[in-house]
Amino acid sequence: MGADRAEFTPCGELVHGCAETLTRTLAELPPTITRVDLDMEGVHFMDTAGLQFLDVLGEFARQRFVTVTTTNWNGQPRRILELAGLDTTDPLRPAPHADPEPAQPSAPASSAVALERSERLHVLQEEVEQLRQAIASRPVIDQARGILMASHGCTSDEAWHILRETSQLSNTKLRDVAAAVTAGAKPDGPRPSPELREALRRAIARRRPT
C-alpha cells in the first residue's frame, strides 16, 4: 500500500461476514488514500455475500470520492457477476439502464427490469446452493469411493460409477448413498436399507462381474 493507494487481495471464499470485515478495513485507511484496487485472482468461491462486499466498496468510493478498481474475476465468482447482471470487467460500473428518477412513462420498463433482476437473483441463489451442496458432499463421497476401492478391489473411477449407478437404481441422492456406504463400513455403523443394499449389489456386479 502506498501513501495514496491501497490494494486488497482476498483469498479463498467471500461468504457471510466478508462485507463487515471489509467495512472495518476501509474505515482504518488513512485519509490520503485516493485509489483502492481489488485483485480477485485468489478468490475461488463467493455467494451473495460477495455482492454485499462489492456494495461496500462502491459506497466507500462514493463517500470518499475514491477510485476503486476490481480485476481478475474468474471461475465461479465471475459466474456470480454474470448471473447478477453485472459487468465482469467492472462490476462497480452502474448498469446502463440505471435511472435514479425514472419518468412515469417508463414505469412498465422499470418493472420489467426489476422482474429480470429478481429472476437473476433467484437463479443465482439456486446455483450458489447447488455449489454449497457439492462442496459439502465431496468429503463423504471421497470416503465412500475409498471404501469401495478397498472392499472390492476397484479403481477410483469404477467406485465413482458404482456410487452413481446405486443412486440411480435406488432413486437415492448420491450424497445419501455415499453416507450410507461410509456409515455401514464402521464396526458399529448402521447397515444400509435393503433397497440400497440391493442397488449397491447390482451396481457392483455390473462394474466387477464375477
N, C-alpha and C. Protein backbone atom coordinates (compact mmCIF):
# COMPACT_ATOMS: atom_id res chain seq x y z
N MET A 1 0.84 -1.19 0.00
CA MET A 1 0.00 0.00 0.00
C MET A 1 0.87 1.23 0.00
N GLY A 2 0.61 2.19 -0.94
CA GLY A 2 1.34 3.43 -0.98
C GLY A 2 0.63 4.49 -0.17
N ALA A 3 1.16 5.72 -0.26
CA ALA A 3 0.57 6.80 0.52
C ALA A 3 -0.83 7.15 0.04
N ASP A 4 -1.07 6.93 -1.26
CA ASP A 4 -2.38 7.30 -1.82
C ASP A 4 -3.11 6.12 -2.44
N ARG A 5 -2.60 4.90 -2.26
CA ARG A 5 -3.20 3.73 -2.92
C ARG A 5 -3.21 2.54 -1.98
N ALA A 6 -4.34 1.81 -1.98
CA ALA A 6 -4.46 0.58 -1.19
C ALA A 6 -4.85 -0.56 -2.12
N GLU A 7 -4.28 -1.72 -1.89
CA GLU A 7 -4.60 -2.90 -2.70
C GLU A 7 -5.09 -4.01 -1.80
N PHE A 8 -6.24 -4.59 -2.15
CA PHE A 8 -6.80 -5.72 -1.41
C PHE A 8 -6.71 -6.96 -2.28
N THR A 9 -6.22 -8.05 -1.69
CA THR A 9 -6.10 -9.31 -2.42
C THR A 9 -6.75 -10.43 -1.59
N PRO A 10 -8.08 -10.49 -1.53
CA PRO A 10 -8.74 -11.54 -0.75
C PRO A 10 -8.42 -12.92 -1.33
N CYS A 11 -8.47 -13.93 -0.48
CA CYS A 11 -8.16 -15.29 -0.91
C CYS A 11 -9.23 -16.25 -0.39
N GLY A 12 -9.43 -17.32 -1.14
CA GLY A 12 -10.35 -18.36 -0.69
C GLY A 12 -11.79 -18.06 -1.05
N GLU A 13 -12.63 -17.80 -0.04
CA GLU A 13 -14.06 -17.63 -0.24
C GLU A 13 -14.53 -16.28 0.29
N LEU A 14 -15.48 -15.68 -0.43
CA LEU A 14 -16.17 -14.49 0.05
C LEU A 14 -17.57 -14.92 0.47
N VAL A 15 -17.76 -15.10 1.76
CA VAL A 15 -19.03 -15.58 2.28
C VAL A 15 -19.48 -14.67 3.42
N HIS A 16 -20.44 -15.13 4.21
CA HIS A 16 -21.02 -14.33 5.27
C HIS A 16 -19.93 -13.74 6.18
N GLY A 17 -20.01 -12.43 6.39
CA GLY A 17 -19.05 -11.76 7.25
C GLY A 17 -17.98 -10.99 6.50
N CYS A 18 -17.82 -11.28 5.20
CA CYS A 18 -16.74 -10.62 4.45
C CYS A 18 -17.02 -9.12 4.29
N ALA A 19 -18.29 -8.75 4.12
CA ALA A 19 -18.60 -7.33 3.94
C ALA A 19 -18.30 -6.55 5.21
N GLU A 20 -18.61 -7.13 6.37
CA GLU A 20 -18.34 -6.47 7.64
C GLU A 20 -16.83 -6.30 7.85
N THR A 21 -16.07 -7.33 7.47
CA THR A 21 -14.61 -7.25 7.60
C THR A 21 -14.06 -6.15 6.71
N LEU A 22 -14.58 -6.07 5.47
CA LEU A 22 -14.12 -5.02 4.56
C LEU A 22 -14.48 -3.63 5.09
N THR A 23 -15.67 -3.49 5.66
CA THR A 23 -16.09 -2.19 6.21
C THR A 23 -15.11 -1.71 7.27
N ARG A 24 -14.71 -2.63 8.17
CA ARG A 24 -13.76 -2.26 9.22
C ARG A 24 -12.40 -1.91 8.63
N THR A 25 -11.98 -2.66 7.62
CA THR A 25 -10.67 -2.41 7.00
C THR A 25 -10.65 -1.06 6.29
N LEU A 26 -11.71 -0.75 5.57
CA LEU A 26 -11.77 0.53 4.87
C LEU A 26 -11.78 1.70 5.84
N ALA A 27 -12.44 1.51 6.98
CA ALA A 27 -12.52 2.59 7.97
C ALA A 27 -11.14 2.93 8.54
N GLU A 28 -10.22 1.97 8.47
CA GLU A 28 -8.88 2.18 9.03
C GLU A 28 -7.90 2.77 8.02
N LEU A 29 -8.34 2.94 6.77
CA LEU A 29 -7.45 3.51 5.77
C LEU A 29 -7.18 4.98 6.06
N PRO A 30 -5.98 5.44 5.80
CA PRO A 30 -5.67 6.86 6.05
C PRO A 30 -6.42 7.76 5.06
N PRO A 31 -6.65 9.00 5.42
CA PRO A 31 -7.41 9.92 4.55
C PRO A 31 -6.69 10.27 3.26
N THR A 32 -5.41 9.93 3.16
CA THR A 32 -4.65 10.25 1.95
C THR A 32 -4.95 9.29 0.80
N ILE A 33 -5.64 8.20 1.09
CA ILE A 33 -5.93 7.20 0.06
C ILE A 33 -6.90 7.76 -0.96
N THR A 34 -6.51 7.70 -2.23
CA THR A 34 -7.37 8.16 -3.32
C THR A 34 -7.72 7.04 -4.30
N ARG A 35 -7.16 5.86 -4.09
CA ARG A 35 -7.40 4.75 -5.01
C ARG A 35 -7.35 3.44 -4.25
N VAL A 36 -8.31 2.55 -4.54
CA VAL A 36 -8.35 1.21 -3.95
C VAL A 36 -8.47 0.21 -5.09
N ASP A 37 -7.56 -0.77 -5.12
CA ASP A 37 -7.56 -1.80 -6.15
C ASP A 37 -7.88 -3.15 -5.50
N LEU A 38 -8.86 -3.83 -6.05
CA LEU A 38 -9.26 -5.16 -5.56
C LEU A 38 -8.85 -6.20 -6.58
N ASP A 39 -7.97 -7.11 -6.17
CA ASP A 39 -7.50 -8.19 -7.05
C ASP A 39 -8.17 -9.49 -6.61
N MET A 40 -9.04 -10.05 -7.47
CA MET A 40 -9.85 -11.22 -7.12
C MET A 40 -9.23 -12.55 -7.55
N GLU A 41 -7.98 -12.53 -7.98
CA GLU A 41 -7.37 -13.75 -8.52
C GLU A 41 -7.37 -14.89 -7.51
N GLY A 42 -7.22 -14.58 -6.22
CA GLY A 42 -7.13 -15.63 -5.20
C GLY A 42 -8.47 -16.12 -4.69
N VAL A 43 -9.58 -15.58 -5.18
CA VAL A 43 -10.91 -15.98 -4.70
C VAL A 43 -11.48 -17.03 -5.64
N HIS A 44 -11.83 -18.20 -5.10
CA HIS A 44 -12.35 -19.28 -5.94
C HIS A 44 -13.84 -19.53 -5.72
N PHE A 45 -14.42 -18.91 -4.69
CA PHE A 45 -15.85 -19.11 -4.44
C PHE A 45 -16.42 -17.89 -3.73
N MET A 46 -17.65 -17.52 -4.12
CA MET A 46 -18.36 -16.50 -3.35
C MET A 46 -19.86 -16.72 -3.52
N ASP A 47 -20.61 -16.32 -2.50
CA ASP A 47 -22.06 -16.38 -2.60
C ASP A 47 -22.59 -14.95 -2.66
N THR A 48 -23.86 -14.74 -2.32
CA THR A 48 -24.42 -13.40 -2.43
C THR A 48 -23.72 -12.41 -1.49
N ALA A 49 -23.01 -12.91 -0.48
CA ALA A 49 -22.24 -12.02 0.39
C ALA A 49 -21.15 -11.30 -0.41
N GLY A 50 -20.69 -11.94 -1.48
CA GLY A 50 -19.70 -11.29 -2.34
C GLY A 50 -20.25 -10.04 -3.01
N LEU A 51 -21.55 -10.06 -3.30
CA LEU A 51 -22.19 -8.88 -3.88
C LEU A 51 -22.29 -7.76 -2.84
N GLN A 52 -22.53 -8.13 -1.58
CA GLN A 52 -22.53 -7.14 -0.50
C GLN A 52 -21.13 -6.54 -0.33
N PHE A 53 -20.12 -7.37 -0.52
CA PHE A 53 -18.73 -6.93 -0.48
C PHE A 53 -18.51 -5.82 -1.50
N LEU A 54 -19.05 -6.02 -2.71
CA LEU A 54 -18.93 -5.00 -3.76
C LEU A 54 -19.72 -3.74 -3.41
N ASP A 55 -20.88 -3.93 -2.81
CA ASP A 55 -21.69 -2.76 -2.40
C ASP A 55 -20.91 -1.88 -1.41
N VAL A 56 -20.20 -2.53 -0.48
CA VAL A 56 -19.41 -1.79 0.50
C VAL A 56 -18.32 -0.97 -0.21
N LEU A 57 -17.66 -1.60 -1.18
CA LEU A 57 -16.62 -0.89 -1.94
C LEU A 57 -17.21 0.30 -2.70
N GLY A 58 -18.36 0.06 -3.35
CA GLY A 58 -18.99 1.13 -4.11
C GLY A 58 -19.40 2.29 -3.24
N GLU A 59 -19.96 2.00 -2.06
CA GLU A 59 -20.37 3.06 -1.16
C GLU A 59 -19.16 3.84 -0.64
N PHE A 60 -18.07 3.12 -0.37
CA PHE A 60 -16.84 3.78 0.08
C PHE A 60 -16.33 4.73 -1.00
N ALA A 61 -16.38 4.28 -2.26
CA ALA A 61 -15.91 5.12 -3.37
C ALA A 61 -16.75 6.39 -3.49
N ARG A 62 -18.06 6.27 -3.30
CA ARG A 62 -18.93 7.43 -3.42
C ARG A 62 -18.74 8.41 -2.27
N GLN A 63 -18.61 7.89 -1.07
CA GLN A 63 -18.49 8.76 0.10
C GLN A 63 -17.14 9.46 0.18
N ARG A 64 -16.08 8.74 -0.20
CA ARG A 64 -14.73 9.29 -0.06
C ARG A 64 -14.18 9.85 -1.37
N PHE A 65 -14.99 9.77 -2.46
CA PHE A 65 -14.54 10.22 -3.77
C PHE A 65 -13.23 9.53 -4.14
N VAL A 66 -13.22 8.21 -3.95
CA VAL A 66 -12.04 7.38 -4.21
C VAL A 66 -12.27 6.55 -5.46
N THR A 67 -11.22 6.37 -6.25
CA THR A 67 -11.29 5.49 -7.41
C THR A 67 -11.12 4.05 -6.95
N VAL A 68 -12.04 3.17 -7.35
CA VAL A 68 -11.98 1.77 -6.96
C VAL A 68 -11.98 0.91 -8.23
N THR A 69 -11.03 -0.01 -8.34
CA THR A 69 -10.98 -0.94 -9.46
C THR A 69 -11.05 -2.36 -8.93
N THR A 70 -11.65 -3.25 -9.71
CA THR A 70 -11.68 -4.68 -9.36
C THR A 70 -11.26 -5.46 -10.60
N THR A 71 -10.33 -6.38 -10.42
CA THR A 71 -9.77 -7.12 -11.55
C THR A 71 -9.68 -8.61 -11.25
N ASN A 72 -9.41 -9.38 -12.31
CA ASN A 72 -9.13 -10.82 -12.24
C ASN A 72 -10.32 -11.62 -11.69
N TRP A 73 -11.50 -11.35 -12.22
CA TRP A 73 -12.67 -12.16 -11.87
C TRP A 73 -12.66 -13.40 -12.75
N ASN A 74 -12.59 -14.56 -12.14
CA ASN A 74 -12.50 -15.81 -12.88
C ASN A 74 -13.38 -16.87 -12.24
N GLY A 75 -13.63 -17.93 -12.98
CA GLY A 75 -14.33 -19.09 -12.43
C GLY A 75 -15.70 -18.77 -11.86
N GLN A 76 -16.00 -19.36 -10.70
CA GLN A 76 -17.31 -19.22 -10.10
C GLN A 76 -17.66 -17.78 -9.71
N PRO A 77 -16.73 -16.99 -9.13
CA PRO A 77 -17.07 -15.59 -8.84
C PRO A 77 -17.49 -14.81 -10.09
N ARG A 78 -16.83 -15.07 -11.20
CA ARG A 78 -17.21 -14.40 -12.45
C ARG A 78 -18.62 -14.80 -12.86
N ARG A 79 -18.96 -16.09 -12.65
CA ARG A 79 -20.30 -16.56 -12.98
C ARG A 79 -21.35 -15.87 -12.11
N ILE A 80 -21.02 -15.59 -10.87
CA ILE A 80 -21.94 -14.88 -9.99
C ILE A 80 -22.22 -13.48 -10.54
N LEU A 81 -21.18 -12.81 -11.01
CA LEU A 81 -21.37 -11.48 -11.60
C LEU A 81 -22.29 -11.55 -12.81
N GLU A 82 -22.08 -12.58 -13.65
CA GLU A 82 -22.90 -12.72 -14.84
C GLU A 82 -24.37 -12.93 -14.47
N LEU A 83 -24.61 -13.80 -13.50
CA LEU A 83 -25.99 -14.07 -13.08
C LEU A 83 -26.63 -12.85 -12.45
N ALA A 84 -25.82 -12.02 -11.80
CA ALA A 84 -26.35 -10.81 -11.17
C ALA A 84 -26.51 -9.67 -12.17
N GLY A 85 -26.10 -9.90 -13.42
CA GLY A 85 -26.23 -8.87 -14.44
C GLY A 85 -25.21 -7.76 -14.33
N LEU A 86 -24.05 -8.05 -13.73
CA LEU A 86 -23.01 -7.04 -13.56
C LEU A 86 -21.93 -7.18 -14.62
N ASP A 87 -21.24 -6.09 -14.89
CA ASP A 87 -20.14 -6.07 -15.84
C ASP A 87 -18.97 -6.86 -15.24
N THR A 88 -18.54 -7.92 -15.91
CA THR A 88 -17.47 -8.75 -15.36
C THR A 88 -16.10 -8.08 -15.42
N THR A 89 -15.98 -7.01 -16.21
CA THR A 89 -14.71 -6.29 -16.26
C THR A 89 -14.71 -5.12 -15.29
N ASP A 90 -15.90 -4.62 -14.93
CA ASP A 90 -16.00 -3.50 -14.00
C ASP A 90 -17.35 -3.59 -13.29
N PRO A 91 -17.49 -4.49 -12.31
CA PRO A 91 -18.79 -4.72 -11.68
C PRO A 91 -19.32 -3.54 -10.89
N LEU A 92 -18.48 -2.54 -10.58
CA LEU A 92 -18.95 -1.36 -9.85
C LEU A 92 -19.53 -0.29 -10.77
N ARG A 93 -19.42 -0.53 -12.07
CA ARG A 93 -19.99 0.43 -13.02
C ARG A 93 -21.51 0.34 -12.97
N PRO A 94 -22.22 1.47 -12.91
CA PRO A 94 -23.69 1.42 -12.89
C PRO A 94 -24.23 0.74 -14.14
N ALA A 95 -25.31 0.00 -13.98
CA ALA A 95 -25.94 -0.67 -15.12
C ALA A 95 -26.39 0.38 -16.14
N PRO A 96 -26.30 0.06 -17.45
CA PRO A 96 -26.65 1.04 -18.48
C PRO A 96 -28.08 1.57 -18.35
N HIS A 97 -29.00 0.73 -17.81
CA HIS A 97 -30.39 1.15 -17.73
C HIS A 97 -30.72 1.78 -16.38
N ALA A 98 -29.68 1.96 -15.52
CA ALA A 98 -29.96 2.53 -14.21
C ALA A 98 -30.45 3.97 -14.35
N ASP A 99 -31.50 4.31 -13.63
CA ASP A 99 -32.08 5.65 -13.68
C ASP A 99 -32.66 5.96 -12.32
N PRO A 100 -32.01 6.81 -11.52
CA PRO A 100 -32.45 7.04 -10.15
C PRO A 100 -33.85 7.64 -10.06
N GLU A 101 -34.27 8.42 -11.08
CA GLU A 101 -35.58 9.03 -11.03
C GLU A 101 -36.29 8.83 -12.36
N PRO A 102 -36.80 7.63 -12.61
CA PRO A 102 -37.44 7.36 -13.90
C PRO A 102 -38.73 8.15 -14.04
N ALA A 103 -39.01 8.59 -15.24
CA ALA A 103 -40.25 9.29 -15.52
C ALA A 103 -41.41 8.30 -15.51
N GLN A 104 -42.60 8.81 -15.34
CA GLN A 104 -43.76 7.95 -15.21
C GLN A 104 -43.97 7.03 -16.41
N PRO A 105 -43.78 7.53 -17.69
CA PRO A 105 -44.00 6.64 -18.82
C PRO A 105 -43.09 5.43 -18.84
N SER A 106 -41.93 5.49 -18.16
CA SER A 106 -41.01 4.36 -18.20
C SER A 106 -41.28 3.35 -17.09
N ALA A 107 -42.35 3.52 -16.34
CA ALA A 107 -42.65 2.62 -15.23
C ALA A 107 -42.76 1.17 -15.66
N PRO A 108 -43.46 0.85 -16.77
CA PRO A 108 -43.53 -0.57 -17.19
C PRO A 108 -42.16 -1.14 -17.48
N ALA A 109 -41.29 -0.33 -18.14
CA ALA A 109 -39.94 -0.82 -18.43
C ALA A 109 -39.18 -1.06 -17.14
N SER A 110 -39.34 -0.14 -16.16
CA SER A 110 -38.66 -0.32 -14.88
C SER A 110 -39.13 -1.58 -14.19
N SER A 111 -40.43 -1.88 -14.30
CA SER A 111 -40.96 -3.09 -13.70
C SER A 111 -40.36 -4.32 -14.35
N ALA A 112 -40.17 -4.25 -15.67
CA ALA A 112 -39.57 -5.37 -16.39
C ALA A 112 -38.13 -5.59 -15.95
N VAL A 113 -37.41 -4.48 -15.75
CA VAL A 113 -36.02 -4.58 -15.29
C VAL A 113 -35.98 -5.19 -13.90
N ALA A 114 -36.89 -4.74 -13.02
CA ALA A 114 -36.92 -5.27 -11.66
C ALA A 114 -37.24 -6.76 -11.67
N LEU A 115 -38.16 -7.17 -12.55
CA LEU A 115 -38.51 -8.58 -12.66
C LEU A 115 -37.32 -9.40 -13.15
N GLU A 116 -36.61 -8.85 -14.14
CA GLU A 116 -35.43 -9.55 -14.66
C GLU A 116 -34.37 -9.71 -13.58
N ARG A 117 -34.15 -8.66 -12.80
CA ARG A 117 -33.16 -8.74 -11.72
C ARG A 117 -33.59 -9.76 -10.67
N SER A 118 -34.89 -9.79 -10.37
CA SER A 118 -35.39 -10.75 -9.38
C SER A 118 -35.18 -12.18 -9.87
N GLU A 119 -35.43 -12.41 -11.15
CA GLU A 119 -35.24 -13.75 -11.71
C GLU A 119 -33.76 -14.13 -11.69
N ARG A 120 -32.90 -13.17 -12.02
CA ARG A 120 -31.46 -13.45 -12.00
C ARG A 120 -30.99 -13.79 -10.59
N LEU A 121 -31.51 -13.05 -9.60
CA LEU A 121 -31.14 -13.31 -8.22
C LEU A 121 -31.59 -14.70 -7.78
N HIS A 122 -32.78 -15.10 -8.23
CA HIS A 122 -33.28 -16.43 -7.89
C HIS A 122 -32.38 -17.52 -8.48
N VAL A 123 -32.00 -17.35 -9.75
CA VAL A 123 -31.09 -18.31 -10.39
C VAL A 123 -29.76 -18.33 -9.66
N LEU A 124 -29.29 -17.14 -9.29
CA LEU A 124 -28.01 -17.02 -8.57
C LEU A 124 -28.06 -17.77 -7.25
N GLN A 125 -29.14 -17.60 -6.49
CA GLN A 125 -29.27 -18.26 -5.19
C GLN A 125 -29.32 -19.78 -5.35
N GLU A 126 -30.02 -20.25 -6.40
CA GLU A 126 -30.09 -21.69 -6.64
C GLU A 126 -28.72 -22.26 -6.99
N GLU A 127 -27.97 -21.55 -7.84
CA GLU A 127 -26.65 -22.04 -8.23
C GLU A 127 -25.69 -22.05 -7.05
N VAL A 128 -25.75 -21.02 -6.23
CA VAL A 128 -24.89 -20.98 -5.04
C VAL A 128 -25.22 -22.14 -4.11
N GLU A 129 -26.51 -22.43 -3.93
CA GLU A 129 -26.91 -23.53 -3.05
C GLU A 129 -26.43 -24.87 -3.61
N GLN A 130 -26.51 -25.04 -4.92
CA GLN A 130 -26.00 -26.28 -5.53
C GLN A 130 -24.50 -26.41 -5.31
N LEU A 131 -23.78 -25.31 -5.43
CA LEU A 131 -22.34 -25.34 -5.19
C LEU A 131 -22.03 -25.67 -3.73
N ARG A 132 -22.81 -25.10 -2.81
CA ARG A 132 -22.62 -25.40 -1.39
C ARG A 132 -22.81 -26.90 -1.15
N GLN A 133 -23.87 -27.47 -1.73
CA GLN A 133 -24.15 -28.89 -1.53
C GLN A 133 -23.04 -29.75 -2.12
N ALA A 134 -22.54 -29.33 -3.29
CA ALA A 134 -21.45 -30.10 -3.92
C ALA A 134 -20.20 -30.08 -3.06
N ILE A 135 -19.88 -28.91 -2.50
CA ILE A 135 -18.69 -28.79 -1.64
C ILE A 135 -18.86 -29.62 -0.37
N ALA A 136 -20.08 -29.57 0.20
CA ALA A 136 -20.33 -30.32 1.43
C ALA A 136 -20.33 -31.82 1.18
N SER A 137 -20.73 -32.25 -0.02
CA SER A 137 -20.84 -33.67 -0.32
C SER A 137 -19.50 -34.30 -0.67
N ARG A 138 -18.55 -33.50 -1.10
CA ARG A 138 -17.31 -34.05 -1.63
C ARG A 138 -16.56 -34.96 -0.65
N PRO A 139 -16.40 -34.55 0.62
CA PRO A 139 -15.65 -35.43 1.54
C PRO A 139 -16.28 -36.80 1.72
N VAL A 140 -17.60 -36.88 1.93
CA VAL A 140 -18.24 -38.16 2.18
C VAL A 140 -18.22 -39.02 0.93
N ILE A 141 -18.32 -38.41 -0.23
CA ILE A 141 -18.26 -39.17 -1.48
C ILE A 141 -16.86 -39.75 -1.67
N ASP A 142 -15.84 -38.96 -1.38
CA ASP A 142 -14.46 -39.46 -1.49
C ASP A 142 -14.22 -40.60 -0.51
N GLN A 143 -14.78 -40.51 0.70
CA GLN A 143 -14.63 -41.59 1.68
C GLN A 143 -15.29 -42.88 1.16
N ALA A 144 -16.50 -42.73 0.60
CA ALA A 144 -17.22 -43.90 0.09
C ALA A 144 -16.46 -44.54 -1.07
N ARG A 145 -15.88 -43.74 -1.91
CA ARG A 145 -15.09 -44.29 -3.02
C ARG A 145 -13.90 -45.10 -2.48
N GLY A 146 -13.24 -44.55 -1.47
CA GLY A 146 -12.12 -45.27 -0.88
C GLY A 146 -12.53 -46.60 -0.26
N ILE A 147 -13.70 -46.61 0.38
CA ILE A 147 -14.20 -47.85 0.99
C ILE A 147 -14.49 -48.89 -0.08
N LEU A 148 -15.13 -48.47 -1.18
CA LEU A 148 -15.43 -49.41 -2.26
C LEU A 148 -14.16 -49.93 -2.92
N MET A 149 -13.17 -49.05 -3.08
CA MET A 149 -11.90 -49.47 -3.67
C MET A 149 -11.22 -50.52 -2.80
N ALA A 150 -11.24 -50.31 -1.48
CA ALA A 150 -10.60 -51.24 -0.57
C ALA A 150 -11.38 -52.55 -0.45
N SER A 151 -12.71 -52.46 -0.48
CA SER A 151 -13.55 -53.64 -0.27
C SER A 151 -13.68 -54.51 -1.51
N HIS A 152 -13.66 -53.89 -2.69
CA HIS A 152 -13.96 -54.64 -3.91
C HIS A 152 -12.84 -54.58 -4.94
N GLY A 153 -11.70 -54.01 -4.57
CA GLY A 153 -10.55 -54.01 -5.46
C GLY A 153 -10.79 -53.28 -6.76
N CYS A 154 -11.61 -52.23 -6.74
CA CYS A 154 -11.91 -51.49 -7.95
C CYS A 154 -11.09 -50.20 -8.01
N THR A 155 -11.08 -49.59 -9.16
CA THR A 155 -10.37 -48.33 -9.32
C THR A 155 -11.23 -47.18 -8.80
N SER A 156 -10.62 -45.99 -8.73
CA SER A 156 -11.37 -44.82 -8.27
C SER A 156 -12.53 -44.51 -9.21
N ASP A 157 -12.29 -44.60 -10.52
CA ASP A 157 -13.36 -44.34 -11.49
C ASP A 157 -14.47 -45.37 -11.37
N GLU A 158 -14.10 -46.65 -11.18
CA GLU A 158 -15.11 -47.69 -11.02
C GLU A 158 -15.94 -47.46 -9.76
N ALA A 159 -15.29 -47.05 -8.68
CA ALA A 159 -16.03 -46.76 -7.44
C ALA A 159 -17.01 -45.61 -7.65
N TRP A 160 -16.59 -44.61 -8.40
CA TRP A 160 -17.47 -43.48 -8.69
C TRP A 160 -18.70 -43.94 -9.46
N HIS A 161 -18.49 -44.78 -10.47
CA HIS A 161 -19.62 -45.28 -11.27
C HIS A 161 -20.53 -46.17 -10.44
N ILE A 162 -19.96 -46.92 -9.51
CA ILE A 162 -20.79 -47.75 -8.63
C ILE A 162 -21.71 -46.88 -7.78
N LEU A 163 -21.17 -45.83 -7.23
CA LEU A 163 -21.99 -44.91 -6.43
C LEU A 163 -23.08 -44.27 -7.26
N ARG A 164 -22.74 -43.82 -8.45
CA ARG A 164 -23.72 -43.17 -9.31
C ARG A 164 -24.82 -44.13 -9.72
N GLU A 165 -24.43 -45.36 -10.08
CA GLU A 165 -25.43 -46.32 -10.52
C GLU A 165 -26.31 -46.76 -9.36
N THR A 166 -25.72 -46.89 -8.18
CA THR A 166 -26.53 -47.21 -6.99
C THR A 166 -27.54 -46.11 -6.73
N SER A 167 -27.11 -44.88 -6.91
CA SER A 167 -28.01 -43.74 -6.73
C SER A 167 -29.18 -43.80 -7.69
N GLN A 168 -28.89 -44.14 -8.95
CA GLN A 168 -29.94 -44.21 -9.96
C GLN A 168 -30.87 -45.40 -9.73
N LEU A 169 -30.30 -46.56 -9.40
CA LEU A 169 -31.11 -47.76 -9.21
C LEU A 169 -32.04 -47.65 -8.00
N SER A 170 -31.57 -46.96 -6.97
CA SER A 170 -32.36 -46.86 -5.74
C SER A 170 -33.14 -45.55 -5.64
N ASN A 171 -32.95 -44.68 -6.64
CA ASN A 171 -33.60 -43.36 -6.62
C ASN A 171 -33.26 -42.61 -5.33
N THR A 172 -31.95 -42.63 -5.01
CA THR A 172 -31.45 -42.00 -3.79
C THR A 172 -30.37 -40.99 -4.17
N LYS A 173 -30.33 -39.88 -3.47
CA LYS A 173 -29.31 -38.88 -3.76
C LYS A 173 -27.92 -39.48 -3.59
N LEU A 174 -27.01 -39.06 -4.46
CA LEU A 174 -25.65 -39.59 -4.44
C LEU A 174 -25.00 -39.40 -3.08
N ARG A 175 -25.20 -38.24 -2.48
CA ARG A 175 -24.59 -37.98 -1.17
C ARG A 175 -25.14 -38.95 -0.13
N ASP A 176 -26.44 -39.25 -0.19
CA ASP A 176 -27.04 -40.17 0.79
C ASP A 176 -26.51 -41.59 0.60
N VAL A 177 -26.29 -41.97 -0.67
CA VAL A 177 -25.69 -43.28 -0.94
C VAL A 177 -24.30 -43.36 -0.33
N ALA A 178 -23.50 -42.31 -0.57
CA ALA A 178 -22.13 -42.28 -0.04
C ALA A 178 -22.13 -42.30 1.48
N ALA A 179 -23.06 -41.56 2.08
CA ALA A 179 -23.13 -41.53 3.55
C ALA A 179 -23.50 -42.90 4.10
N ALA A 180 -24.40 -43.62 3.42
CA ALA A 180 -24.80 -44.96 3.88
C ALA A 180 -23.64 -45.94 3.77
N VAL A 181 -22.88 -45.85 2.67
CA VAL A 181 -21.72 -46.73 2.49
C VAL A 181 -20.68 -46.45 3.56
N THR A 182 -20.43 -45.17 3.82
CA THR A 182 -19.42 -44.78 4.82
C THR A 182 -19.84 -45.21 6.22
N ALA A 183 -21.10 -44.98 6.56
CA ALA A 183 -21.59 -45.35 7.90
C ALA A 183 -21.59 -46.86 8.07
N GLY A 184 -21.97 -47.58 7.01
CA GLY A 184 -22.03 -49.04 7.10
C GLY A 184 -20.68 -49.70 7.22
N ALA A 185 -19.62 -48.98 6.86
CA ALA A 185 -18.27 -49.55 6.95
C ALA A 185 -17.72 -49.51 8.37
N LYS A 186 -18.36 -48.77 9.26
CA LYS A 186 -17.91 -48.71 10.65
C LYS A 186 -18.36 -49.96 11.40
N PRO A 187 -17.56 -50.41 12.37
CA PRO A 187 -17.90 -51.64 13.11
C PRO A 187 -19.30 -51.60 13.73
N ASP A 188 -19.67 -50.47 14.26
CA ASP A 188 -20.98 -50.36 14.89
C ASP A 188 -21.94 -49.51 14.07
N GLY A 189 -21.62 -49.31 12.79
CA GLY A 189 -22.44 -48.45 11.95
C GLY A 189 -23.70 -49.15 11.48
N PRO A 190 -24.74 -48.38 11.15
CA PRO A 190 -25.99 -48.97 10.66
C PRO A 190 -25.84 -49.52 9.25
N ARG A 191 -26.53 -50.60 8.98
CA ARG A 191 -26.49 -51.16 7.63
C ARG A 191 -27.40 -50.34 6.73
N PRO A 192 -27.03 -50.21 5.45
CA PRO A 192 -27.92 -49.52 4.50
C PRO A 192 -29.26 -50.24 4.42
N SER A 193 -30.26 -49.56 3.95
CA SER A 193 -31.58 -50.17 3.81
C SER A 193 -31.51 -51.32 2.82
N PRO A 194 -32.46 -52.27 2.88
CA PRO A 194 -32.46 -53.40 1.93
C PRO A 194 -32.47 -52.94 0.48
N GLU A 195 -33.24 -51.90 0.19
CA GLU A 195 -33.30 -51.40 -1.19
C GLU A 195 -31.94 -50.86 -1.64
N LEU A 196 -31.27 -50.16 -0.74
CA LEU A 196 -29.97 -49.60 -1.08
C LEU A 196 -28.92 -50.70 -1.20
N ARG A 197 -29.00 -51.71 -0.33
CA ARG A 197 -28.04 -52.83 -0.42
C ARG A 197 -28.21 -53.58 -1.74
N GLU A 198 -29.45 -53.77 -2.17
CA GLU A 198 -29.70 -54.47 -3.42
C GLU A 198 -29.19 -53.65 -4.61
N ALA A 199 -29.45 -52.35 -4.58
CA ALA A 199 -28.97 -51.49 -5.66
C ALA A 199 -27.45 -51.48 -5.70
N LEU A 200 -26.82 -51.45 -4.53
CA LEU A 200 -25.36 -51.46 -4.46
C LEU A 200 -24.81 -52.77 -4.98
N ARG A 201 -25.47 -53.89 -4.62
CA ARG A 201 -25.03 -55.20 -5.10
C ARG A 201 -25.09 -55.28 -6.62
N ARG A 202 -26.17 -54.79 -7.19
CA ARG A 202 -26.32 -54.82 -8.63
C ARG A 202 -25.30 -53.93 -9.33
N ALA A 203 -25.06 -52.75 -8.74
CA ALA A 203 -24.09 -51.82 -9.33
C ALA A 203 -22.68 -52.41 -9.30
N ILE A 204 -22.33 -53.06 -8.20
CA ILE A 204 -21.01 -53.69 -8.08
C ILE A 204 -20.87 -54.83 -9.06
N ALA A 205 -21.93 -55.62 -9.21
CA ALA A 205 -21.90 -56.75 -10.13
C ALA A 205 -21.72 -56.30 -11.56
N ARG A 206 -22.32 -55.18 -11.90
CA ARG A 206 -22.18 -54.68 -13.27
C ARG A 206 -20.79 -54.15 -13.55
N ARG A 207 -20.18 -53.54 -12.54
CA ARG A 207 -18.85 -52.96 -12.74
C ARG A 207 -17.76 -53.99 -12.58
N ARG A 208 -17.97 -54.99 -11.68
CA ARG A 208 -16.97 -56.01 -11.39
C ARG A 208 -17.60 -57.39 -11.54
N PRO A 209 -17.90 -57.81 -12.76
CA PRO A 209 -18.56 -59.10 -12.94
C PRO A 209 -17.69 -60.25 -12.45
N THR A 210 -18.38 -61.27 -11.90
CA THR A 210 -17.64 -62.44 -11.41
C THR A 210 -17.94 -63.64 -12.29
